[in-house]
Amino acid sequence: MRKQLRLSGSGGQGVITAAIIFAEAAVAEGKEAAQSQSYGPEARGGASKAEVIIDDAPIYHPHVEQPDIVLAMTQKAADKYYTDLKPDGLLVLDTDLVPEPPDFPNVIRIPITKLAVEQVGKSLFANIVALGAIAHLTGLVNFETVKESVAHRVPPHTVEQNMKALQTGWDAAAKK
């Protein structure tokens, strides 16, 4: 059941936090998970990616070789990080921030950042909107488990907004 995910964007968009939450949710359900991350020398604005491997069996090589799913939150991330996506994989793009989708057969476009602003009030929540979408599209972890992981990871005063963001992403993916 091994699934490899790559969440990518620019520094400050929260893709690393989203990947950590997703991996924690998988572990909470008794699955094996490995999470890694890399980002450019710029803390904000530089390219960043976070990868998650989820499996029922032990994970001996914790690096994503060929992702099943790539989330790209910026054009630069889309261009850079989709190239080794499995041929039957899924490329999930932030509609407004990736105006020129790569030529790939399985693309889902969701206005992630726009939804965060319109539904939750701030682009800050785009990573959790994306997390909700990825949770729905993969079906790897139960939505309730993801909600619990989000609640444990985010600042207490933002839990309600993060729950709204998570639900917004889930609902947006359900329409695709």
Protein backbone atom coordinates (compact mmCIF):
# COMPACT_ATOMS: atom_id res chain seq x y z
CA MET A 1 0.00 0.00 0.00
CA ARG A 2 3.03 2.30 -0.18
CA LYS A 3 2.14 5.84 -1.22
CA GLN A 4 4.62 8.64 -1.77
CA LEU A 5 3.56 12.29 -1.62
CA ARG A 6 5.42 15.50 -2.38
CA LEU A 7 3.98 18.80 -1.17
CA SER A 8 5.73 21.79 -2.68
CA GLY A 9 5.56 25.54 -2.79
CA SER A 10 7.57 28.45 -1.55
CA GLY A 11 8.94 29.03 1.92
CA GLY A 12 6.28 30.43 4.21
CA GLN A 13 3.33 28.64 2.58
CA GLY A 14 3.32 25.91 5.21
CA VAL A 15 3.78 22.83 3.05
CA ILE A 16 6.21 21.38 5.59
CA THR A 17 3.67 21.78 8.40
CA ALA A 18 0.99 20.16 6.23
CA ALA A 19 3.27 17.19 5.51
CA ILE A 20 4.10 16.75 9.19
CA ILE A 21 0.41 16.78 10.11
CA PHE A 22 -0.40 14.26 7.37
CA ALA A 23 2.37 11.91 8.53
CA GLU A 24 1.26 12.24 12.17
CA ALA A 25 -2.30 11.33 11.18
CA ALA A 26 -1.05 8.21 9.42
CA VAL A 27 0.98 7.16 12.46
CA ALA A 28 -2.03 7.78 14.71
CA GLU A 29 -3.90 5.20 12.61
CA GLY A 30 -1.14 2.63 13.06
CA LYS A 31 0.48 3.08 9.66
CA GLU A 32 4.17 3.53 9.02
CA ALA A 33 5.17 7.03 7.90
CA ALA A 34 8.35 8.84 7.00
CA GLN A 35 8.49 12.58 6.45
CA SER A 36 11.33 14.71 5.10
CA GLN A 37 11.71 18.27 3.93
CA SER A 38 14.01 20.60 2.08
CA TYR A 39 13.97 24.27 1.32
CA GLY A 40 16.22 26.87 -0.22
CA PRO A 41 18.45 29.13 1.84
CA GLU A 42 15.73 31.78 1.91
CA ALA A 43 13.33 31.14 4.79
CA ARG A 44 10.46 32.81 2.94
CA GLY A 45 9.96 32.87 -0.78
CA GLY A 46 12.49 30.17 -1.67
CA ALA A 47 11.46 26.82 -3.07
CA SER A 48 10.40 24.27 -0.49
CA LYS A 49 9.15 20.73 -0.53
CA ALA A 50 8.09 18.20 2.02
CA GLU A 51 7.68 14.53 1.31
CA VAL A 52 5.70 11.83 3.04
CA ILE A 53 5.78 8.09 2.59
CA ILE A 54 2.94 6.08 4.07
CA ASP A 55 2.86 2.30 4.15
CA ASP A 56 1.47 -0.67 6.04
CA ALA A 57 4.95 -2.22 6.09
CA PRO A 58 8.20 -0.84 7.52
CA ILE A 59 9.83 1.94 5.49
CA TYR A 60 13.53 1.23 5.07
CA HIS A 61 14.31 3.95 2.53
CA PRO A 62 12.69 7.19 3.74
CA HIS A 63 13.15 9.20 0.55
CA VAL A 64 10.53 9.66 -2.14
CA GLU A 65 11.79 8.20 -5.39
CA GLN A 66 8.71 8.54 -7.58
CA PRO A 67 5.75 10.28 -5.97
CA ASP A 68 2.19 9.11 -6.46
CA ILE A 69 0.93 12.63 -5.76
CA VAL A 70 2.56 16.03 -6.12
CA LEU A 71 0.97 19.16 -4.70
CA ALA A 72 2.35 22.38 -6.18
CA MET A 73 1.39 25.68 -4.56
CA THR A 74 3.46 27.86 -6.95
CA GLN A 75 4.44 27.83 -10.62
CA LYS A 76 8.10 27.35 -9.72
CA ALA A 77 7.25 24.36 -7.53
CA ALA A 78 5.06 22.84 -10.24
CA ASP A 79 7.80 23.16 -12.85
CA LYS A 80 10.51 21.83 -10.55
CA TYR A 81 8.89 19.03 -8.58
CA TYR A 82 6.47 17.19 -10.86
CA THR A 83 9.02 15.71 -13.27
CA ASP A 84 9.49 12.37 -11.48
CA LEU A 85 5.77 11.91 -10.71
CA LYS A 86 4.57 8.41 -11.57
CA PRO A 87 2.98 8.30 -15.04
CA ASP A 88 -0.37 7.39 -13.46
CA GLY A 89 0.19 9.82 -10.57
CA LEU A 90 -1.81 12.88 -9.66
CA LEU A 91 -0.65 16.49 -9.92
CA VAL A 92 -2.61 18.86 -7.66
CA LEU A 93 -2.17 22.55 -8.43
CA ASP A 94 -3.19 25.82 -6.80
CA THR A 95 -5.23 27.25 -9.68
CA ASP A 96 -4.28 30.90 -9.26
CA LEU A 97 -0.63 30.45 -8.34
CA VAL A 98 0.11 27.93 -11.10
CA PRO A 99 -1.25 29.68 -14.20
CA GLU A 100 0.66 27.44 -16.63
CA PRO A 101 0.06 23.81 -15.64
CA PRO A 102 2.75 21.35 -16.67
CA ASP A 103 1.82 18.96 -19.45
CA PHE A 104 0.73 16.00 -17.36
CA PRO A 105 -2.30 13.76 -17.94
CA ASN A 106 -3.75 13.70 -14.40
CA VAL A 107 -4.09 17.25 -13.10
CA ILE A 108 -6.50 18.57 -10.51
CA ARG A 109 -6.71 22.33 -10.14
CA ILE A 110 -8.09 23.76 -6.92
CA PRO A 111 -8.01 27.48 -6.02
CA ILE A 112 -6.34 26.67 -2.70
CA THR A 113 -5.07 30.10 -1.69
CA LYS A 114 -8.19 31.87 -2.97
CA LEU A 115 -10.37 29.51 -0.91
CA ALA A 116 -8.23 30.17 2.17
CA VAL A 117 -8.76 33.92 1.78
CA GLU A 118 -12.45 33.78 0.87
CA GLN A 119 -13.58 31.03 3.26
CA VAL A 120 -11.21 31.39 6.21
CA GLY A 121 -10.06 35.00 5.94
CA LYS A 122 -6.30 34.64 5.36
CA SER A 123 -3.92 33.07 2.87
CA LEU A 124 -2.07 31.79 5.95
CA PHE A 125 -4.50 28.85 6.00
CA ALA A 126 -3.79 27.73 2.42
CA ASN A 127 -1.62 24.86 3.64
CA ILE A 128 -4.50 23.44 5.69
CA VAL A 129 -6.90 23.88 2.76
CA ALA A 130 -4.36 21.93 0.69
CA LEU A 131 -4.11 19.30 3.44
CA GLY A 132 -7.88 18.80 3.38
CA ALA A 133 -7.80 18.37 -0.39
CA ILE A 134 -4.91 15.89 -0.24
CA ALA A 135 -6.61 13.92 2.54
CA HIS A 136 -9.73 13.60 0.39
CA LEU A 137 -7.91 12.79 -2.85
CA THR A 138 -5.67 10.11 -1.33
CA GLY A 139 -8.04 8.47 1.12
CA LEU A 140 -4.95 7.36 3.04
CA VAL A 141 -6.10 8.61 6.42
CA ASN A 142 -9.52 9.20 7.92
CA PHE A 143 -10.70 12.79 7.93
CA GLU A 144 -11.37 12.68 11.67
CA THR A 145 -7.78 11.60 12.31
CA VAL A 146 -6.47 14.47 10.20
CA LYS A 147 -8.68 16.86 12.17
CA GLU A 148 -7.21 15.57 15.44
CA SER A 149 -3.66 15.95 14.10
CA VAL A 150 -4.35 19.51 12.97
CA ALA A 151 -5.85 20.38 16.37
CA HIS A 152 -2.73 19.06 18.13
CA ARG A 153 -0.27 20.83 15.83
CA VAL A 154 -1.67 24.36 15.35
CA PRO A 155 -1.78 27.16 17.94
CA PRO A 156 -4.85 26.73 20.17
CA HIS A 157 -6.36 30.09 19.24
CA THR A 158 -6.39 29.07 15.54
CA VAL A 159 -8.00 25.64 15.83
CA GLU A 160 -11.45 26.79 14.70
CA GLN A 161 -10.08 28.57 11.61
CA ASN A 162 -7.88 25.58 10.78
CA MET A 163 -10.86 23.23 11.04
CA LYS A 164 -12.75 25.48 8.62
CA ALA A 165 -9.74 25.48 6.27
CA LEU A 166 -9.44 21.70 6.43
CA GLN A 167 -13.14 21.24 5.65
CA THR A 168 -12.90 23.78 2.81
CA GLY A 169 -10.09 21.79 1.16
CA TRP A 170 -11.91 18.50 1.68
CA ASP A 171 -15.08 19.89 0.08
CA ALA A 172 -13.18 21.45 -2.83
CA ALA A 173 -11.52 18.13 -3.64
CA ALA A 174 -14.84 16.31 -3.38
CA LYS A 175 -16.14 18.44 -6.25
CA LYS A 176 -13.29 17.35 -8.57
